[in-house]
C-alpha atoms as a PDB file:
ATOM      1  CA  MET A   1       1.517 -20.499 -36.682  1.00  0.00           C
ATOM      2  CA  SER A   2      -1.427 -22.799 -36.903  1.00  0.00           C
ATOM      3  CA  LYS A   3      -4.789 -21.183 -36.773  1.00  0.00           C
ATOM      4  CA  LEU A   4      -6.384 -21.584 -33.762  1.00  0.00           C
ATOM      5  CA  ASN A   5     -10.213 -22.102 -32.901  1.00  0.00           C
ATOM      6  CA  PRO A   6     -12.359 -18.915 -32.603  1.00  0.00           C
ATOM      7  CA  THR A   7     -13.788 -20.495 -29.282  1.00  0.00           C
ATOM      8  CA  ILE A   8     -10.757 -21.044 -27.830  1.00  0.00           C
ATOM      9  CA  LEU A   9      -9.261 -17.706 -28.893  1.00  0.00           C
ATOM     10  CA  PHE A  10     -12.368 -15.945 -27.134  1.00  0.00           C
ATOM     11  CA  TYR A  11     -11.447 -17.911 -23.935  1.00  0.00           C
ATOM     12  CA  LEU A  12      -8.172 -17.320 -24.099  1.00  0.00           C
ATOM     13  CA  CYS A  13      -8.759 -13.129 -24.418  1.00  0.00           C
ATOM     14  CA  LEU A  14     -11.257 -13.471 -21.538  1.00  0.00           C
ATOM     15  CA  THR A  15      -8.806 -15.329 -19.411  1.00  0.00           C
ATOM     16  CA  ILE A  16      -6.145 -12.647 -20.037  1.00  0.00           C
ATOM     17  CA  THR A  17      -8.720  -9.667 -19.354  1.00  0.00           C
ATOM     18  CA  LEU A  18      -9.542 -11.533 -15.945  1.00  0.00           C
ATOM     19  CA  ILE A  19      -6.249 -11.828 -14.567  1.00  0.00           C
ATOM     20  CA  SER A  20      -4.346  -9.148 -16.079  1.00  0.00           C
ATOM     21  CA  PRO A  21      -3.235  -6.409 -13.652  1.00  0.00           C
ATOM     22  CA  VAL A  22      -5.394  -3.314 -13.632  1.00  0.00           C
ATOM     23  CA  VAL A  23      -3.569  -0.144 -14.203  1.00  0.00           C
ATOM     24  CA  HIS A  24      -4.413   2.796 -11.928  1.00  0.00           C
ATOM     25  CA  SER A  25      -3.978   6.282 -12.935  1.00  0.00           C
ATOM     26  CA  MET A  26      -4.825   9.263 -10.090  1.00  0.00           C
ATOM     27  CA  ARG A  27      -5.212  12.666 -10.190  1.00  0.00           C
ATOM     28  CA  PHE A  28      -4.962  14.538  -6.755  1.00  0.00           C
ATOM     29  CA  ASN A  29      -4.347  18.058  -5.146  1.00  0.00           C
ATOM     30  CA  LEU A  30      -1.307  18.858  -3.171  1.00  0.00           C
ATOM     31  CA  GLN A  31      -1.790  22.172  -1.277  1.00  0.00           C
ATOM     32  CA  SER A  32       1.793  24.173  -1.148  1.00  0.00           C
ATOM     33  CA  GLY A  33       3.826  23.327   2.087  1.00  0.00           C
ATOM     34  CA  THR A  34       2.345  19.911   2.690  1.00  0.00           C
ATOM     35  CA  THR A  35       3.199  16.174   1.628  1.00  0.00           C
ATOM     36  CA  LYS A  36       1.326  13.730   0.154  1.00  0.00           C
ATOM     37  CA  TYR A  37       2.395   9.875   0.319  1.00  0.00           C
ATOM     38  CA  ILE A  38       1.130   6.894  -1.953  1.00  0.00           C
ATOM     39  CA  THR A  39       1.980   3.375  -1.212  1.00  0.00           C
ATOM     40  CA  GLU A  40       2.148   0.582  -3.972  1.00  0.00           C
ATOM     41  CA  ASP A  41       2.579  -3.062  -2.756  1.00  0.00           C
ATOM     42  CA  ILE A  42       5.275  -4.546  -4.938  1.00  0.00           C
ATOM     43  CA  VAL A  43       6.414  -8.090  -5.271  1.00  0.00           C
ATOM     44  CA  ASP A  44      10.076  -9.083  -4.808  1.00  0.00           C
ATOM     45  CA  ARG A  45      11.861  -8.855  -8.059  1.00  0.00           C
ATOM     46  CA  SER A  46       9.232  -7.090 -10.024  1.00  0.00           C
ATOM     47  CA  MET A  47       9.422  -4.284 -12.636  1.00  0.00           C
ATOM     48  CA  THR A  48       7.780  -0.903 -11.630  1.00  0.00           C
ATOM     49  CA  VAL A  49       7.366   2.219 -13.588  1.00  0.00           C
ATOM     50  CA  GLY A  50       5.685   5.598 -12.971  1.00  0.00           C
ATOM     51  CA  LYS A  51       5.565   8.774 -14.492  1.00  0.00           C
ATOM     52  CA  TYR A  52       4.073  11.930 -13.081  1.00  0.00           C
ATOM     53  CA  SER A  53       3.063  15.616 -14.192  1.00  0.00           C
ATOM     54  CA  VAL A  54       1.752  18.919 -12.887  1.00  0.00           C
ATOM     55  CA  VAL A  55      -1.506  20.262 -14.434  1.00  0.00           C
ATOM     56  CA  ASN A  56      -0.492  23.279 -16.168  1.00  0.00           C
ATOM     57  CA  PRO A  57      -3.052  26.162 -14.406  1.00  0.00           C
ATOM     58  CA  ASN A  58      -2.478  28.419 -17.434  1.00  0.00           C
ATOM     59  CA  GLU A  59      -2.266  26.312 -20.659  1.00  0.00           C
ATOM     60  CA  GLY A  60      -0.227  27.650 -23.724  1.00  0.00           C
ATOM     61  CA  PHE A  61       2.294  28.881 -21.023  1.00  0.00           C
ATOM     62  CA  ALA A  62       5.136  27.507 -18.925  1.00  0.00           C
ATOM     63  CA  ILE A  63       4.355  25.956 -15.599  1.00  0.00           C
ATOM     64  CA  PRO A  64       5.356  28.748 -12.860  1.00  0.00           C
ATOM     65  CA  ASP A  65       8.024  27.666 -10.646  1.00  0.00           C
ATOM     66  CA  SER A  66       5.618  27.750  -7.803  1.00  0.00           C
ATOM     67  CA  TYR A  67       3.941  24.643  -9.000  1.00  0.00           C
ATOM     68  CA  LYS A  68       6.839  22.580  -9.165  1.00  0.00           C
ATOM     69  CA  ASN A  69       7.491  20.002  -6.434  1.00  0.00           C
ATOM     70  CA  ASN A  70       9.836  17.494  -5.035  1.00  0.00           C
ATOM     71  CA  VAL A  71       9.430  13.688  -5.730  1.00  0.00           C
ATOM     72  CA  ARG A  72      10.963  10.823  -3.774  1.00  0.00           C
ATOM     73  CA  VAL A  73      10.344   6.895  -4.367  1.00  0.00           C
ATOM     74  CA  THR A  74      11.551   4.823  -1.685  1.00  0.00           C
ATOM     75  CA  SER A  75      11.494   0.880  -0.636  1.00  0.00           C
ATOM     76  CA  PRO A  76      10.267  -0.417   2.589  1.00  0.00           C
ATOM     77  CA  HIS A  77      13.640  -0.344   4.087  1.00  0.00           C
ATOM     78  CA  GLY A  78      13.939   3.279   3.106  1.00  0.00           C
ATOM     79  CA  VAL A  79      16.171   2.791  -0.084  1.00  0.00           C
ATOM     80  CA  ILE A  80      15.492   5.687  -2.372  1.00  0.00           C
ATOM     81  CA  TYR A  81      15.032   4.483  -5.809  1.00  0.00           C
ATOM     82  CA  HIS A  82      14.017   8.059  -7.574  1.00  0.00           C
ATOM     83  CA  HIS A  83      14.564  11.579  -6.216  1.00  0.00           C
ATOM     84  CA  SER A  84      13.706  14.904  -8.150  1.00  0.00           C
ATOM     85  CA  ASN A  85      13.667  18.432  -7.012  1.00  0.00           C
ATOM     86  CA  HIS A  86      11.667  21.177  -8.257  1.00  0.00           C
ATOM     87  CA  VAL A  87      10.021  19.497 -11.081  1.00  0.00           C
ATOM     88  CA  ALA A  88       7.002  19.652 -13.371  1.00  0.00           C
ATOM     89  CA  THR A  89       7.175  16.212 -14.497  1.00  0.00           C
ATOM     90  CA  GLY A  90       9.378  13.174 -14.531  1.00  0.00           C
ATOM     91  CA  THR A  91       9.514   9.410 -14.818  1.00  0.00           C
ATOM     92  CA  PHE A  92      10.816   6.512 -12.974  1.00  0.00           C
ATOM     93  CA  ALA A  93      11.685   2.781 -13.395  1.00  0.00           C
ATOM     94  CA  PHE A  94      13.397   0.086 -11.375  1.00  0.00           C
ATOM     95  CA  THR A  95      13.298  -3.533 -10.593  1.00  0.00           C
ATOM     96  CA  ALA A  96      12.388  -4.013  -6.699  1.00  0.00           C
ATOM     97  CA  ASN A  97      15.021  -5.478  -4.723  1.00  0.00           C
ATOM     98  CA  ASP A  98      12.609  -6.126  -1.804  1.00  0.00           C
ATOM     99  CA  GLY A  99       8.597  -7.032  -1.844  1.00  0.00           C
ATOM    100  CA  GLY A 100       6.442  -4.737   0.306  1.00  0.00           C
ATOM    101  CA  ASP A 101       5.055  -1.408   0.484  1.00  0.00           C
ATOM    102  CA  TYR A 102       7.132   1.182  -1.781  1.00  0.00           C
ATOM    103  CA  ILE A 103       6.205   4.823  -1.051  1.00  0.00           C
ATOM    104  CA  ALA A 104       6.139   7.636  -3.576  1.00  0.00           C
ATOM    105  CA  CYS A 105       5.969  11.098  -1.560  1.00  0.00           C
ATOM    106  CA  PHE A 106       5.337  14.052  -3.453  1.00  0.00           C
ATOM    107  CA  TRP A 107       6.081  17.565  -1.467  1.00  0.00           C
ATOM    108  CA  ALA A 108       5.081  20.927  -2.737  1.00  0.00           C
ATOM    109  CA  PRO A 109       7.216  23.701  -1.312  1.00  0.00           C
ATOM    110  CA  ASP A 110       5.829  26.385   0.820  1.00  0.00           C
ATOM    111  CA  HIS A 111       4.271  29.629  -0.976  1.00  0.00           C
ATOM    112  CA  TRP A 112       2.360  32.423   0.148  1.00  0.00           C
ATOM    113  CA  PRO A 113      -0.501  32.722  -0.958  1.00  0.00           C
ATOM    114  CA  SER A 114      -1.011  29.225  -0.369  1.00  0.00           C
ATOM    115  CA  ILE A 115      -1.487  27.426  -3.976  1.00  0.00           C
ATOM    116  CA  MET A 116      -3.231  23.948  -4.838  1.00  0.00           C
ATOM    117  CA  VAL A 117      -1.357  22.210  -7.426  1.00  0.00           C
ATOM    118  CA  ALA A 118      -2.895  19.652  -9.457  1.00  0.00           C
ATOM    119  CA  ILE A 119      -0.707  16.237 -10.022  1.00  0.00           C
ATOM    120  CA  GLU A 120      -1.448  13.521 -12.417  1.00  0.00           C
ATOM    121  CA  PHE A 121      -0.003   9.930 -11.210  1.00  0.00           C
ATOM    122  CA  GLU A 122       0.290   6.718 -12.854  1.00  0.00           C
ATOM    123  CA  TRP A 123       2.317   3.844 -11.114  1.00  0.00           C
ATOM    124  CA  LYS A 124       2.258   0.399 -12.930  1.00  0.00           C
ATOM    125  CA  SER A 125       4.121  -3.035 -11.434  1.00  0.00           C
ATOM    126  CA  GLY A 126       4.387  -6.362 -12.747  1.00  0.00           C
ATOM    127  CA  VAL A 127       3.180  -7.367 -16.068  1.00  0.00           C
ATOM    128  CA  ALA A 128       1.272  -4.029 -16.257  1.00  0.00           C
ATOM    129  CA  ALA A 129       4.794  -2.395 -16.350  1.00  0.00           C
ATOM    130  CA  LYS A 130       5.467  -3.902 -19.875  1.00  0.00           C
ATOM    131  CA  ASP A 131       4.925  -2.024 -23.025  1.00  0.00           C
ATOM    132  CA  TRP A 132       3.269  -4.468 -25.037  1.00  0.00           C
ATOM    133  CA  SER A 133       2.902  -2.416 -28.016  1.00  0.00           C
ATOM    134  CA  ASN A 134       6.821  -2.025 -28.352  1.00  0.00           C
ATOM    135  CA  VAL A 135       7.210  -5.728 -27.666  1.00  0.00           C
ATOM    136  CA  ALA A 136       4.893  -6.770 -30.593  1.00  0.00           C
ATOM    137  CA  LYS A 137       6.588  -3.847 -33.040  1.00  0.00           C
ATOM    138  CA  LYS A 138      10.049  -4.987 -32.203  1.00  0.00           C
ATOM    139  CA  GLY A 139       9.458  -8.604 -32.524  1.00  0.00           C
ATOM    140  CA  GLN A 140       7.299  -8.524 -35.903  1.00  0.00           C
ATOM    141  CA  ILE A 141       5.129 -11.202 -33.948  1.00  0.00           C
ATOM    142  CA  GLU A 142       1.501 -11.834 -34.707  1.00  0.00           C
ATOM    143  CA  ILE A 143      -1.131 -10.937 -32.222  1.00  0.00           C
ATOM    144  CA  MET A 144      -1.992 -14.452 -31.082  1.00  0.00           C
ATOM    145  CA  GLU A 145       1.637 -14.705 -30.131  1.00  0.00           C
ATOM    146  CA  LEU A 146       1.623 -11.557 -28.479  1.00  0.00           C
ATOM    147  CA  GLU A 147      -1.549 -12.812 -26.492  1.00  0.00           C
ATOM    148  CA  LEU A 148       0.224 -15.954 -25.513  1.00  0.00           C
ATOM    149  CA  LYS A 149       3.449 -14.029 -24.234  1.00  0.00           C
ATOM    150  CA  LYS A 150       1.419 -11.934 -22.206  1.00  0.00           C
ATOM    151  CA  LEU A 151      -0.641 -14.930 -20.821  1.00  0.00           C
ATOM    152  CA  PHE A 152       2.817 -16.667 -20.050  1.00  0.00           C
ATOM    153  CA  ASP A 153       4.030 -13.374 -18.323  1.00  0.00           C
ATOM    154  CA  THR A 154       0.778 -12.841 -16.310  1.00  0.00           C
ATOM    155  CA  VAL A 155       0.592 -16.462 -15.083  1.00  0.00           C
ATOM    156  CA  THR A 156       4.334 -16.470 -14.321  1.00  0.00           C
ATOM    157  CA  SER A 157       3.738 -12.995 -12.088  1.00  0.00           C
ATOM    158  CA  ILE A 158       0.731 -15.046 -10.526  1.00  0.00           C
ATOM    159  CA  HIS A 159       3.107 -17.771  -9.589  1.00  0.00           C
ATOM    160  CA  ASP A 160       5.497 -15.733  -7.916  1.00  0.00           C
ATOM    161  CA  GLU A 161       3.227 -13.679  -6.198  1.00  0.00           C
ATOM    162  CA  MET A 162       1.744 -17.056  -4.731  1.00  0.00           C
ATOM    163  CA  PHE A 163       5.097 -18.232  -3.281  1.00  0.00           C
ATOM    164  CA  TYR A 164       5.522 -14.490  -2.252  1.00  0.00           C
ATOM    165  CA  LEU A 165       1.977 -14.952  -0.368  1.00  0.00           C
ATOM    166  CA  ARG A 166       3.142 -18.401   1.022  1.00  0.00           C
ATOM    167  CA  GLU A 167       6.132 -17.010   2.567  1.00  0.00           C
ATOM    168  CA  ARG A 168       4.248 -14.317   4.016  1.00  0.00           C
ATOM    169  CA  GLU A 169       2.086 -17.049   5.477  1.00  0.00           C
ATOM    170  CA  VAL A 170       4.897 -19.344   6.931  1.00  0.00           C
ATOM    171  CA  GLU A 171       6.104 -16.089   8.539  1.00  0.00           C
ATOM    172  CA  MET A 172       2.716 -15.526  10.210  1.00  0.00           C
ATOM    173  CA  GLN A 173       2.429 -19.255  11.055  1.00  0.00           C
ATOM    174  CA  ASP A 174       5.909 -18.796  12.905  1.00  0.00           C
ATOM    175  CA  LEU A 175       4.899 -15.621  14.885  1.00  0.00           C
ATOM    176  CA  ASN A 176       1.692 -17.526  16.211  1.00  0.00           C
ATOM    177  CA  ILE A 177       3.633 -20.350  17.324  1.00  0.00           C
ATOM    178  CA  ALA A 178       5.989 -17.870  18.895  1.00  0.00           C
ATOM    179  CA  THR A 179       2.927 -16.093  20.351  1.00  0.00           C
ATOM    180  CA  TYR A 180       1.080 -19.113  21.388  1.00  0.00           C
ATOM    181  CA  SER A 181       4.325 -20.442  23.023  1.00  0.00           C
ATOM    182  CA  LYS A 182       4.631 -17.140  25.059  1.00  0.00           C
ATOM    183  CA  MET A 183       1.081 -17.157  26.230  1.00  0.00           C
ATOM    184  CA  ALA A 184       1.375 -20.677  27.554  1.00  0.00           C
ATOM    185  CA  THR A 185       4.564 -19.648  29.510  1.00  0.00           C
ATOM    186  CA  PHE A 186       2.976 -16.829  30.487  1.00  0.00           C
ATOM    187  CA  SER A 187      -0.043 -18.739  31.812  1.00  0.00           C
ATOM    188  CA  PHE A 188       1.759 -21.538  33.530  1.00  0.00           C
ATOM    189  CA  LEU A 189       3.658 -18.883  35.521  1.00  0.00           C
ATOM    190  CA  SER A 190       0.102 -17.267  36.338  1.00  0.00           C
ATOM    191  CA  ILE A 191      -1.157 -20.455  37.640  1.00  0.00           C
ATOM    192  CA  MET A 192       2.008 -21.182  39.750  1.00  0.00           C
ATOM    193  CA  VAL A 193       1.697 -17.664  41.190  1.00  0.00           C
ATOM    194  CA  CYS A 194      -1.972 -18.012  42.014  1.00  0.00           C
ATOM    195  CA  LEU A 195      -1.179 -21.738  43.652  1.00  0.00           C
ATOM    196  CA  SER A 196       1.733 -20.047  45.486  1.00  0.00           C
ATOM    197  CA  VAL A 197      -0.140 -17.189  46.885  1.00  0.00           C
ATOM    198  CA  ALA A 198      -3.114 -19.848  47.800  1.00  0.00           C
ATOM    199  CA  ALA A 199      -0.898 -22.173  49.550  1.00  0.00           C
ATOM    200  CA  LEU A 200       0.539 -19.093  51.476  1.00  0.00           C
ATOM    201  CA  GLN A 201      -2.534 -17.804  52.314  1.00  0.00           C
ATOM    202  CA  LEU A 202      -3.886 -21.351  53.813  1.00  0.00           C
ATOM    203  CA  TRP A 203      -0.581 -21.707  55.812  1.00  0.00           C
ATOM    204  CA  HIS A 204      -1.066 -17.961  57.252  1.00  0.00           C
ATOM    205  CA  LEU A 205      -4.662 -19.068  58.246  1.00  0.00           C
ATOM    206  CA  LYS A 206      -3.545 -22.174  59.753  1.00  0.00           C
ATOM    207  CA  SER A 207      -0.846 -20.585  61.618  1.00  0.00           C
ATOM    208  CA  PHE A 208      -3.428 -18.064  62.778  1.00  0.00           C
ATOM    209  CA  PHE A 209      -5.796 -20.451  63.859  1.00  0.00           C
ATOM    210  CA  GLU A 210      -3.221 -22.632  65.862  1.00  0.00           C
ATOM    211  CA  ARG A 211      -2.086 -19.295  67.732  1.00  0.00           C
ATOM    212  CA  LYS A 212      -5.523 -18.505  68.607  1.00  0.00           C
ATOM    213  CA  LYS A 213      -5.848 -22.471  69.573  1.00  0.00           C
ATOM    214  CA  LEU A 214      -8.632 -22.698  67.680  1.00  0.00           C
ATOM    215  CA  LEU A 215      -7.353 -25.951  65.804  1.00  0.00           C
END
């Protein structure tokens, strides 16, 4: 592979840094008998991976059964992609068949006395879900080629998301047009009703004055 200008290399790496997705990892507390919901907006046909683990309250010893919890990951339409009961650690990976908000549900079984369970959770989707170190190791490719491949996949991901947003925009436009049409019909009917009521009032007043021989 031919050598690239250091300036081009710098701007290429800067571009990758700016547009690459950020991986969010979190740590939260879950009280026994309660449920925690975490949502992730995933684009259609995107790969997503996640891993979770209960923080051991007693290092060097096995995690108590009372600290193990139930985990379930569902699609926007309620399709279950991952379900584990009474676990301390676990992972999941799938390709989203539908775009939208996917929900990870953590439920700690009821326990007396009540305890607080700390859980570390990491959820990655899209380009961030790919293990690039393994790609480089398996392919034995140079760092520059790896960066170019990452850039290409990032641009592809942005391109797919732009089409997804465009589809959502078309849906919103159709919804707005339908709403405006209903409002116009309702306004027209309201005007017709008002005019009918006004005409009826005028007719009633005219009839009243004629009976009283005022007209």
